[in-house]
Amino acid sequence: MVKGKAFRKQWKEARKPLNRRASSRNKSAHKVSYEERQKQKRELEETRRKSLEMIQAKKDLNKLKGKKREEKKKRKEENSIKAGQYQVIKKTEKVRKWHKNARKQLRTMGPEQIERLLQK
């Protein structure tokens, strides 16, 4: 055996990647044509636009529902006020002695609000 050269088996060397042809070693990625890229780009833009439209429609629907909910709550409150029985308290000294729940139910209203309630 000569110095610097190791014994090599031919069948082993043939299987090593360095001894293959360059054309079989370098497999470049499949290049997509310009038209294909443009088509993909248009499709992507279209899907983005549609998703934005759907999101916007959902937001509008949610705003509308919220508005209706608030109006319903307001109507319910007004109707409960109209349907209730009320007393005008002129002497308010004893209000401090009331228990907490009774004080929570107490409402202070201006004269025009009381007049409006009595009319309806």
C-alpha atoms as a PDB file:
ATOM      1  CA  MET A   1       0.000   0.000   0.000  1.00  0.00           C
ATOM      2  CA  VAL A   2       1.352   3.370  -1.004  1.00  0.00           C
ATOM      3  CA  LYS A   3       1.535   6.127   1.568  1.00  0.00           C
ATOM      4  CA  GLY A   4      -1.530   8.463   1.514  1.00  0.00           C
ATOM      5  CA  LYS A   5      -3.739   6.142  -0.534  1.00  0.00           C
ATOM      6  CA  ALA A   6      -6.157   3.879   1.251  1.00  0.00           C
ATOM      7  CA  PHE A   7      -7.587   0.704  -0.214  1.00  0.00           C
ATOM      8  CA  ARG A   8     -10.987   1.477  -1.667  1.00  0.00           C
ATOM      9  CA  LYS A   9     -13.698  -0.887  -2.747  1.00  0.00           C
ATOM     10  CA  GLN A  10     -15.041   0.010  -6.174  1.00  0.00           C
ATOM     11  CA  TRP A  11     -18.672  -0.856  -5.428  1.00  0.00           C
ATOM     12  CA  LYS A  12     -18.608   1.339  -2.317  1.00  0.00           C
ATOM     13  CA  GLU A  13     -17.019   4.265  -4.115  1.00  0.00           C
ATOM     14  CA  ALA A  14     -19.568   4.104  -6.898  1.00  0.00           C
ATOM     15  CA  ARG A  15     -22.405   4.576  -4.394  1.00  0.00           C
ATOM     16  CA  LYS A  16     -20.928   7.688  -2.784  1.00  0.00           C
ATOM     17  CA  PRO A  17     -22.624  10.972  -3.682  1.00  0.00           C
ATOM     18  CA  LEU A  18     -19.428  12.604  -4.920  1.00  0.00           C
ATOM     19  CA  ASN A  19     -19.056  10.115  -7.779  1.00  0.00           C
ATOM     20  CA  ARG A  20     -22.476  10.774  -9.268  1.00  0.00           C
ATOM     21  CA  ARG A  21     -23.066  12.980 -12.299  1.00  0.00           C
ATOM     22  CA  ALA A  22     -23.621  16.642 -11.586  1.00  0.00           C
ATOM     23  CA  SER A  23     -26.889  16.627 -13.529  1.00  0.00           C
ATOM     24  CA  SER A  24     -28.343  13.992 -11.217  1.00  0.00           C
ATOM     25  CA  ARG A  25     -26.945  15.652  -8.088  1.00  0.00           C
ATOM     26  CA  ASN A  26     -28.263  19.170  -8.677  1.00  0.00           C
ATOM     27  CA  LYS A  27     -32.003  18.971  -8.834  1.00  0.00           C
ATOM     28  CA  SER A  28     -33.212  22.542  -9.014  1.00  0.00           C
ATOM     29  CA  ALA A  29     -36.644  23.457  -7.739  1.00  0.00           C
ATOM     30  CA  HIS A  30     -39.444  23.390 -10.264  1.00  0.00           C
ATOM     31  CA  LYS A  31     -39.756  26.929 -11.566  1.00  0.00           C
ATOM     32  CA  VAL A  32     -43.320  28.165 -11.815  1.00  0.00           C
ATOM     33  CA  SER A  33     -44.076  30.172 -14.926  1.00  0.00           C
ATOM     34  CA  TYR A  34     -44.906  33.875 -14.779  1.00  0.00           C
ATOM     35  CA  GLU A  35     -48.551  33.268 -15.709  1.00  0.00           C
ATOM     36  CA  GLU A  36     -48.907  30.672 -12.954  1.00  0.00           C
ATOM     37  CA  ARG A  37     -47.431  33.058 -10.385  1.00  0.00           C
ATOM     38  CA  GLN A  38     -49.762  35.837 -11.509  1.00  0.00           C
ATOM     39  CA  LYS A  39     -52.732  33.466 -11.320  1.00  0.00           C
ATOM     40  CA  GLN A  40     -51.786  32.392  -7.785  1.00  0.00           C
ATOM     41  CA  LYS A  41     -51.324  36.027  -6.786  1.00  0.00           C
ATOM     42  CA  ARG A  42     -54.786  36.950  -8.105  1.00  0.00           C
ATOM     43  CA  GLU A  43     -56.371  34.001  -6.307  1.00  0.00           C
ATOM     44  CA  LEU A  44     -54.674  34.983  -3.043  1.00  0.00           C
ATOM     45  CA  GLU A  45     -55.841  38.587  -3.388  1.00  0.00           C
ATOM     46  CA  GLU A  46     -59.371  37.393  -4.138  1.00  0.00           C
ATOM     47  CA  THR A  47     -59.482  35.171  -1.050  1.00  0.00           C
ATOM     48  CA  ARG A  48     -58.117  37.976   1.131  1.00  0.00           C
ATOM     49  CA  ARG A  49     -60.708  40.393  -0.245  1.00  0.00           C
ATOM     50  CA  LYS A  50     -63.516  37.912   0.372  1.00  0.00           C
ATOM     51  CA  SER A  51     -62.337  37.229   3.928  1.00  0.00           C
ATOM     52  CA  LEU A  52     -62.200  40.973   4.640  1.00  0.00           C
ATOM     53  CA  GLU A  53     -65.728  41.365   3.270  1.00  0.00           C
ATOM     54  CA  MET A  54     -66.958  38.525   5.471  1.00  0.00           C
ATOM     55  CA  ILE A  55     -65.272  40.020   8.546  1.00  0.00           C
ATOM     56  CA  GLN A  56     -66.797  43.433   7.774  1.00  0.00           C
ATOM     57  CA  ALA A  57     -70.258  41.897   7.325  1.00  0.00           C
ATOM     58  CA  LYS A  58     -69.919  40.126  10.680  1.00  0.00           C
ATOM     59  CA  LYS A  59     -68.868  43.390  12.365  1.00  0.00           C
ATOM     60  CA  ASP A  60     -71.860  45.223  10.883  1.00  0.00           C
ATOM     61  CA  LEU A  61     -74.204  42.478  12.029  1.00  0.00           C
ATOM     62  CA  ASN A  62     -72.745  42.579  15.548  1.00  0.00           C
ATOM     63  CA  LYS A  63     -73.132  46.382  15.684  1.00  0.00           C
ATOM     64  CA  LEU A  64     -76.744  46.079  14.583  1.00  0.00           C
ATOM     65  CA  LYS A  65     -77.459  43.402  17.185  1.00  0.00           C
ATOM     66  CA  GLY A  66     -75.816  45.498  19.903  1.00  0.00           C
ATOM     67  CA  LYS A  67     -77.861  48.525  18.939  1.00  0.00           C
ATOM     68  CA  LYS A  68     -81.084  46.519  19.035  1.00  0.00           C
ATOM     69  CA  ARG A  69     -80.110  45.027  22.389  1.00  0.00           C
ATOM     70  CA  GLU A  70     -79.514  48.494  23.859  1.00  0.00           C
ATOM     71  CA  GLU A  71     -82.832  49.794  22.519  1.00  0.00           C
ATOM     72  CA  LYS A  72     -84.655  46.784  23.954  1.00  0.00           C
ATOM     73  CA  LYS A  73     -82.992  47.294  27.337  1.00  0.00           C
ATOM     74  CA  LYS A  74     -83.962  50.963  27.316  1.00  0.00           C
ATOM     75  CA  ARG A  75     -87.592  50.152  26.398  1.00  0.00           C
ATOM     76  CA  LYS A  76     -87.759  47.508  29.123  1.00  0.00           C
ATOM     77  CA  GLU A  77     -86.489  49.978  31.696  1.00  0.00           C
ATOM     78  CA  GLU A  78     -88.993  52.638  30.616  1.00  0.00           C
ATOM     79  CA  ASN A  79     -91.843  50.139  30.686  1.00  0.00           C
ATOM     80  CA  SER A  80     -90.887  48.924  34.148  1.00  0.00           C
ATOM     81  CA  ILE A  81     -90.860  52.536  35.323  1.00  0.00           C
ATOM     82  CA  LYS A  82     -94.265  53.176  33.733  1.00  0.00           C
ATOM     83  CA  ALA A  83     -95.813  50.009  35.183  1.00  0.00           C
ATOM     84  CA  GLY A  84     -94.491  50.541  38.714  1.00  0.00           C
ATOM     85  CA  GLN A  85     -96.227  52.183  41.622  1.00  0.00           C
ATOM     86  CA  TYR A  86     -94.478  55.186  43.081  1.00  0.00           C
ATOM     87  CA  GLN A  87     -94.666  57.374  46.102  1.00  0.00           C
ATOM     88  CA  VAL A  88     -93.269  60.832  46.420  1.00  0.00           C
ATOM     89  CA  ILE A  89     -91.199  61.081  49.581  1.00  0.00           C
ATOM     90  CA  LYS A  90     -91.238  64.566  51.040  1.00  0.00           C
ATOM     91  CA  LYS A  91     -89.581  63.827  54.382  1.00  0.00           C
ATOM     92  CA  THR A  92     -86.275  62.146  53.647  1.00  0.00           C
ATOM     93  CA  GLU A  93     -84.909  61.977  57.193  1.00  0.00           C
ATOM     94  CA  LYS A  94     -85.876  58.311  57.664  1.00  0.00           C
ATOM     95  CA  VAL A  95     -84.268  57.144  54.413  1.00  0.00           C
ATOM     96  CA  ARG A  96     -80.909  56.700  56.179  1.00  0.00           C
ATOM     97  CA  LYS A  97     -82.453  54.197  58.569  1.00  0.00           C
ATOM     98  CA  TRP A  98     -83.774  51.997  55.755  1.00  0.00           C
ATOM     99  CA  HIS A  99     -82.040  48.704  54.997  1.00  0.00           C
ATOM    100  CA  LYS A 100     -79.714  48.534  52.013  1.00  0.00           C
ATOM    101  CA  ASN A 101     -82.069  46.877  49.491  1.00  0.00           C
ATOM    102  CA  ALA A 102     -84.772  49.439  50.145  1.00  0.00           C
ATOM    103  CA  ARG A 103     -82.284  52.251  49.539  1.00  0.00           C
ATOM    104  CA  LYS A 104     -81.184  50.594  46.281  1.00  0.00           C
ATOM    105  CA  GLN A 105     -84.747  50.712  44.986  1.00  0.00           C
ATOM    106  CA  LEU A 106     -85.076  54.390  45.799  1.00  0.00           C
ATOM    107  CA  ARG A 107     -84.817  56.699  42.798  1.00  0.00           C
ATOM    108  CA  THR A 108     -84.373  60.401  42.650  1.00  0.00           C
ATOM    109  CA  MET A 109     -86.133  62.124  39.767  1.00  0.00           C
ATOM    110  CA  GLY A 110     -86.557  65.624  38.616  1.00  0.00           C
ATOM    111  CA  PRO A 111     -90.008  67.225  38.473  1.00  0.00           C
ATOM    112  CA  GLU A 112     -90.207  67.002  34.660  1.00  0.00           C
ATOM    113  CA  GLN A 113     -89.475  63.252  34.790  1.00  0.00           C
ATOM    114  CA  ILE A 114     -92.239  62.712  37.353  1.00  0.00           C
ATOM    115  CA  GLU A 115     -94.670  64.732  35.197  1.00  0.00           C
ATOM    116  CA  ARG A 116     -93.785  62.669  32.135  1.00  0.00           C
ATOM    117  CA  LEU A 117     -94.350  59.430  34.030  1.00  0.00           C
ATOM    118  CA  LEU A 118     -97.702  60.584  35.363  1.00  0.00           C
ATOM    119  CA  GLN A 119     -98.876  61.611  31.866  1.00  0.00           C
ATOM    120  CA  LYS A 120     -98.138  58.224  30.313  1.00  0.00           C
END
